[in-house]
Amino acid sequence: MKSAVAVASVASALLGLVLAGLAVASAPVAAQPPPCGENPRDWCPAAPGDPCGRHRNAAACRADPACYGMPYRGESVVACILDERGFGTNCPTVGCTSTPPLRKQAK
C-alpha cells in the first residue's frame, strides 16, 4: 500500500511540474521592435549629446552643413544611392547625426 501512495505522490508532483512548465512556456514574450532605420517612416535619434539630434526631419538636417543623414537600412529592390553627406537620393533618410558616413574603399 505504501508503494501505491508513493507512486501517486510522485505522479502528482510530476504533473504539477509539467503544468507549471506549460504555464511558463505559454506566457507571452515581449517582442523586440526592429532596429531603428529599417522602416522608411523611422526618424532615429542621434547619439546622446549629438547637436544634430535636434533636427526632426531630413530637410532641417540637410540645411545644417555640420550634419549628415542616417541612411535607411531596410529592404529595398534597388540599393540606396547616397550623396556625399549620407542623404538618400532614391531612399529615405531616417535620422540626423554629426558623424560622417563611412566611405567605401575602391577595390
N, C-alpha and C. Protein backbone atom coordinates (compact mmCIF):
# COMPACT_ATOMS: atom_id res chain seq x y z
N MET A 1 0.81 -1.19 0.00
CA MET A 1 0.00 0.00 0.00
C MET A 1 0.86 1.26 0.00
N LYS A 2 2.00 1.18 0.73
CA LYS A 2 2.88 2.34 0.78
C LYS A 2 3.44 2.67 -0.59
N SER A 3 3.74 1.64 -1.41
CA SER A 3 4.30 1.90 -2.73
C SER A 3 3.27 2.57 -3.64
N ALA A 4 2.02 2.24 -3.52
CA ALA A 4 0.98 2.87 -4.32
C ALA A 4 0.83 4.34 -3.94
N VAL A 5 0.94 4.64 -2.67
CA VAL A 5 0.85 6.02 -2.21
C VAL A 5 2.07 6.80 -2.70
N ALA A 6 3.25 6.18 -2.67
CA ALA A 6 4.48 6.83 -3.12
C ALA A 6 4.39 7.11 -4.62
N VAL A 7 3.91 6.16 -5.38
CA VAL A 7 3.76 6.35 -6.83
C VAL A 7 2.78 7.47 -7.12
N ALA A 8 1.67 7.52 -6.42
CA ALA A 8 0.67 8.57 -6.61
C ALA A 8 1.26 9.92 -6.23
N SER A 9 2.07 9.96 -5.19
CA SER A 9 2.69 11.22 -4.76
C SER A 9 3.69 11.73 -5.80
N VAL A 10 4.51 10.82 -6.35
CA VAL A 10 5.48 11.18 -7.39
C VAL A 10 4.74 11.64 -8.65
N ALA A 11 3.70 10.91 -9.03
CA ALA A 11 2.94 11.27 -10.22
C ALA A 11 2.28 12.64 -10.05
N SER A 12 1.78 12.92 -8.87
CA SER A 12 1.16 14.21 -8.59
C SER A 12 2.20 15.34 -8.68
N ALA A 13 3.39 15.09 -8.13
CA ALA A 13 4.46 16.09 -8.18
C ALA A 13 4.91 16.33 -9.63
N LEU A 14 5.05 15.27 -10.41
CA LEU A 14 5.45 15.41 -11.81
C LEU A 14 4.39 16.16 -12.62
N LEU A 15 3.13 15.87 -12.35
CA LEU A 15 2.06 16.57 -13.05
C LEU A 15 2.09 18.06 -12.72
N GLY A 16 2.36 18.40 -11.48
CA GLY A 16 2.47 19.80 -11.09
C GLY A 16 3.62 20.49 -11.81
N LEU A 17 4.76 19.81 -11.93
CA LEU A 17 5.90 20.38 -12.65
C LEU A 17 5.59 20.57 -14.13
N VAL A 18 4.93 19.60 -14.72
CA VAL A 18 4.57 19.70 -16.14
C VAL A 18 3.62 20.86 -16.36
N LEU A 19 2.62 21.00 -15.52
CA LEU A 19 1.67 22.10 -15.66
C LEU A 19 2.34 23.45 -15.46
N ALA A 20 3.25 23.54 -14.50
CA ALA A 20 3.98 24.79 -14.27
C ALA A 20 4.85 25.12 -15.49
N GLY A 21 5.50 24.11 -16.06
CA GLY A 21 6.32 24.33 -17.26
C GLY A 21 5.49 24.80 -18.43
N LEU A 22 4.31 24.22 -18.61
CA LEU A 22 3.44 24.65 -19.69
C LEU A 22 2.96 26.08 -19.49
N ALA A 23 2.68 26.46 -18.26
CA ALA A 23 2.24 27.83 -17.98
C ALA A 23 3.35 28.82 -18.32
N VAL A 24 4.57 28.49 -17.97
CA VAL A 24 5.70 29.38 -18.27
C VAL A 24 5.94 29.44 -19.78
N ALA A 25 5.87 28.30 -20.44
CA ALA A 25 6.14 28.25 -21.88
C ALA A 25 5.08 28.99 -22.69
N SER A 26 3.86 29.06 -22.18
CA SER A 26 2.80 29.72 -22.94
C SER A 26 2.66 31.20 -22.60
N ALA A 27 3.44 31.69 -21.66
CA ALA A 27 3.39 33.12 -21.31
C ALA A 27 3.89 33.94 -22.49
N PRO A 28 3.23 35.05 -22.79
CA PRO A 28 3.67 35.87 -23.93
C PRO A 28 5.05 36.47 -23.67
N VAL A 29 5.85 36.49 -24.72
CA VAL A 29 7.19 37.06 -24.66
C VAL A 29 7.13 38.41 -25.36
N ALA A 30 7.71 39.42 -24.73
CA ALA A 30 7.72 40.75 -25.34
C ALA A 30 8.56 40.73 -26.61
N ALA A 31 7.96 41.06 -27.72
CA ALA A 31 8.68 41.08 -28.99
C ALA A 31 9.59 42.31 -29.03
N GLN A 32 10.78 42.12 -29.54
CA GLN A 32 11.70 43.23 -29.69
C GLN A 32 11.33 44.02 -30.94
N PRO A 33 11.25 45.33 -30.82
CA PRO A 33 10.96 46.12 -32.02
C PRO A 33 12.15 46.05 -32.98
N PRO A 34 11.88 46.19 -34.27
CA PRO A 34 13.00 46.17 -35.21
C PRO A 34 13.93 47.35 -34.94
N PRO A 35 15.21 47.21 -35.28
CA PRO A 35 16.14 48.33 -35.07
C PRO A 35 15.69 49.57 -35.85
N CYS A 36 15.96 50.73 -35.28
CA CYS A 36 15.58 51.98 -35.93
C CYS A 36 16.29 52.09 -37.28
N GLY A 37 15.57 52.56 -38.27
CA GLY A 37 16.13 52.75 -39.59
C GLY A 37 15.74 51.68 -40.58
N GLU A 38 15.02 50.67 -40.12
CA GLU A 38 14.57 49.60 -41.02
C GLU A 38 13.17 49.85 -41.57
N ASN A 39 12.50 50.86 -41.06
CA ASN A 39 11.20 51.25 -41.56
C ASN A 39 11.37 52.60 -42.26
N PRO A 40 10.86 52.76 -43.46
CA PRO A 40 11.06 54.03 -44.18
C PRO A 40 10.46 55.24 -43.46
N ARG A 41 9.55 55.03 -42.52
CA ARG A 41 8.94 56.15 -41.79
C ARG A 41 9.67 56.45 -40.48
N ASP A 42 10.76 55.73 -40.18
CA ASP A 42 11.52 55.98 -38.94
C ASP A 42 12.20 57.35 -38.96
N TRP A 43 12.36 57.92 -37.79
CA TRP A 43 13.27 59.04 -37.59
C TRP A 43 14.06 58.67 -36.34
N CYS A 44 15.29 58.21 -36.55
CA CYS A 44 16.12 57.66 -35.49
C CYS A 44 16.81 58.76 -34.68
N PRO A 45 16.91 58.56 -33.38
CA PRO A 45 17.61 59.55 -32.56
C PRO A 45 19.11 59.50 -32.80
N ALA A 46 19.74 60.64 -32.68
CA ALA A 46 21.21 60.70 -32.75
C ALA A 46 21.76 60.25 -31.40
N ALA A 47 23.05 60.03 -31.35
CA ALA A 47 23.69 59.65 -30.09
C ALA A 47 23.48 60.76 -29.05
N PRO A 48 23.43 60.41 -27.78
CA PRO A 48 23.26 61.43 -26.74
C PRO A 48 24.34 62.53 -26.87
N GLY A 49 23.91 63.77 -26.79
CA GLY A 49 24.83 64.89 -26.88
C GLY A 49 25.16 65.33 -28.30
N ASP A 50 24.68 64.61 -29.30
CA ASP A 50 24.96 64.96 -30.70
C ASP A 50 24.11 66.19 -31.05
N PRO A 51 24.74 67.31 -31.43
CA PRO A 51 23.96 68.51 -31.73
C PRO A 51 23.03 68.36 -32.92
N CYS A 52 23.31 67.43 -33.81
CA CYS A 52 22.43 67.24 -34.98
C CYS A 52 21.15 66.50 -34.61
N GLY A 53 21.09 65.94 -33.41
CA GLY A 53 19.89 65.26 -32.96
C GLY A 53 18.71 66.19 -32.78
N ARG A 54 18.95 67.49 -32.78
CA ARG A 54 17.85 68.46 -32.62
C ARG A 54 16.97 68.54 -33.86
N HIS A 55 17.50 68.12 -35.01
CA HIS A 55 16.72 68.18 -36.26
C HIS A 55 15.71 67.05 -36.28
N ARG A 56 14.49 67.39 -36.64
CA ARG A 56 13.39 66.42 -36.59
C ARG A 56 12.95 65.90 -37.95
N ASN A 57 13.65 66.33 -39.02
CA ASN A 57 13.31 65.82 -40.35
C ASN A 57 14.52 65.99 -41.27
N ALA A 58 14.46 65.37 -42.42
CA ALA A 58 15.59 65.37 -43.36
C ALA A 58 15.88 66.76 -43.89
N ALA A 59 14.85 67.58 -44.12
CA ALA A 59 15.09 68.92 -44.67
C ALA A 59 15.89 69.78 -43.69
N ALA A 60 15.54 69.75 -42.41
CA ALA A 60 16.27 70.52 -41.41
C ALA A 60 17.69 70.00 -41.26
N CYS A 61 17.85 68.71 -41.32
CA CYS A 61 19.18 68.10 -41.21
C CYS A 61 20.04 68.51 -42.40
N ARG A 62 19.50 68.42 -43.58
CA ARG A 62 20.24 68.76 -44.81
C ARG A 62 20.63 70.25 -44.82
N ALA A 63 19.80 71.10 -44.23
CA ALA A 63 20.08 72.54 -44.21
C ALA A 63 21.24 72.90 -43.28
N ASP A 64 21.60 72.00 -42.37
CA ASP A 64 22.70 72.25 -41.43
C ASP A 64 23.97 71.62 -42.00
N PRO A 65 24.96 72.43 -42.43
CA PRO A 65 26.15 71.87 -43.07
C PRO A 65 27.02 71.00 -42.15
N ALA A 66 26.79 71.06 -40.85
CA ALA A 66 27.56 70.24 -39.92
C ALA A 66 26.95 68.85 -39.73
N CYS A 67 25.80 68.60 -40.35
CA CYS A 67 25.08 67.35 -40.11
C CYS A 67 25.07 66.44 -41.34
N TYR A 68 24.86 65.16 -41.07
CA TYR A 68 24.83 64.11 -42.09
C TYR A 68 23.56 63.29 -41.92
N GLY A 69 23.09 62.72 -43.00
CA GLY A 69 21.91 61.88 -42.95
C GLY A 69 22.24 60.46 -42.51
N MET A 70 21.28 59.84 -41.82
CA MET A 70 21.37 58.41 -41.48
C MET A 70 20.59 57.68 -42.56
N PRO A 71 21.23 56.79 -43.30
CA PRO A 71 20.53 56.11 -44.40
C PRO A 71 19.57 55.03 -43.91
N TYR A 72 18.55 54.81 -44.69
CA TYR A 72 17.58 53.72 -44.50
C TYR A 72 18.32 52.39 -44.56
N ARG A 73 18.01 51.48 -43.62
CA ARG A 73 18.69 50.18 -43.57
C ARG A 73 17.75 49.01 -43.85
N GLY A 74 16.55 49.31 -44.28
CA GLY A 74 15.59 48.26 -44.54
C GLY A 74 15.80 47.64 -45.91
N GLU A 75 14.88 46.75 -46.25
CA GLU A 75 14.97 46.06 -47.54
C GLU A 75 14.50 46.98 -48.65
N SER A 76 15.12 46.82 -49.80
CA SER A 76 14.77 47.63 -50.97
C SER A 76 15.05 46.81 -52.21
N VAL A 77 14.30 47.07 -53.26
CA VAL A 77 14.51 46.36 -54.53
C VAL A 77 15.84 46.77 -55.14
N VAL A 78 16.18 48.04 -55.00
CA VAL A 78 17.47 48.53 -55.51
C VAL A 78 18.28 49.10 -54.34
N ALA A 79 19.57 49.11 -54.48
CA ALA A 79 20.44 49.64 -53.42
C ALA A 79 20.24 51.15 -53.29
N CYS A 80 20.32 51.64 -52.06
CA CYS A 80 20.21 53.08 -51.83
C CYS A 80 21.43 53.79 -52.40
N ILE A 81 21.17 54.89 -53.05
CA ILE A 81 22.25 55.75 -53.55
C ILE A 81 22.32 56.94 -52.61
N LEU A 82 23.48 57.14 -52.00
CA LEU A 82 23.66 58.20 -51.03
C LEU A 82 24.55 59.30 -51.59
N ASP A 83 24.23 60.54 -51.23
CA ASP A 83 25.12 61.63 -51.63
C ASP A 83 26.30 61.68 -50.66
N GLU A 84 27.19 62.65 -50.83
CA GLU A 84 28.41 62.72 -50.02
C GLU A 84 28.14 62.96 -48.54
N ARG A 85 26.94 63.40 -48.18
CA ARG A 85 26.61 63.63 -46.78
C ARG A 85 25.67 62.56 -46.22
N GLY A 86 25.46 61.49 -46.95
CA GLY A 86 24.67 60.37 -46.44
C GLY A 86 23.17 60.48 -46.65
N PHE A 87 22.72 61.44 -47.42
CA PHE A 87 21.29 61.57 -47.70
C PHE A 87 20.95 60.71 -48.92
N GLY A 88 19.87 59.94 -48.79
CA GLY A 88 19.46 59.07 -49.88
C GLY A 88 18.86 59.84 -51.04
N THR A 89 19.26 59.47 -52.24
CA THR A 89 18.66 60.08 -53.43
C THR A 89 17.49 59.25 -53.94
N ASN A 90 17.47 57.95 -53.59
CA ASN A 90 16.39 57.08 -54.03
C ASN A 90 15.79 56.27 -52.87
N CYS A 91 16.12 56.66 -51.65
CA CYS A 91 15.57 56.01 -50.46
C CYS A 91 15.51 57.05 -49.34
N PRO A 92 14.74 56.78 -48.30
CA PRO A 92 14.55 57.78 -47.26
C PRO A 92 15.78 57.98 -46.37
N THR A 93 15.88 59.16 -45.81
CA THR A 93 16.84 59.46 -44.75
C THR A 93 16.08 59.25 -43.45
N VAL A 94 16.65 58.52 -42.50
CA VAL A 94 15.90 58.13 -41.31
C VAL A 94 16.45 58.73 -40.02
N GLY A 95 17.35 59.69 -40.13
CA GLY A 95 17.87 60.33 -38.93
C GLY A 95 18.94 61.34 -39.31
N CYS A 96 19.45 62.04 -38.29
CA CYS A 96 20.43 63.09 -38.50
C CYS A 96 21.54 62.94 -37.46
N THR A 97 22.79 63.05 -37.89
CA THR A 97 23.93 62.86 -37.00
C THR A 97 25.08 63.78 -37.41
N SER A 98 25.99 64.01 -36.49
CA SER A 98 27.19 64.78 -36.82
C SER A 98 28.34 63.87 -37.26
N THR A 99 28.09 62.57 -37.27
CA THR A 99 29.09 61.59 -37.69
C THR A 99 29.02 61.40 -39.21
N PRO A 100 30.11 61.67 -39.92
CA PRO A 100 30.08 61.49 -41.38
C PRO A 100 29.87 60.03 -41.76
N PRO A 101 29.24 59.78 -42.91
CA PRO A 101 29.03 58.40 -43.34
C PRO A 101 30.37 57.76 -43.71
N LEU A 102 30.41 56.45 -43.56
CA LEU A 102 31.61 55.72 -43.96
C LEU A 102 31.71 55.71 -45.48
N ARG A 103 32.87 55.96 -46.00
CA ARG A 103 33.09 55.93 -47.44
C ARG A 103 33.60 54.55 -47.81
N LYS A 104 33.06 53.97 -48.86
CA LYS A 104 33.51 52.65 -49.32
C LYS A 104 34.84 52.80 -50.03
N GLN A 105 35.73 51.88 -49.75
CA GLN A 105 37.04 51.87 -50.39
C GLN A 105 36.93 51.35 -51.82
N ALA A 106 37.65 51.94 -52.73
CA ALA A 106 37.68 51.45 -54.10
C ALA A 106 38.48 50.14 -54.13
N LYS A 107 38.03 49.19 -54.92
CA LYS A 107 38.72 47.89 -54.97
C LYS A 107 39.86 47.90 -55.94
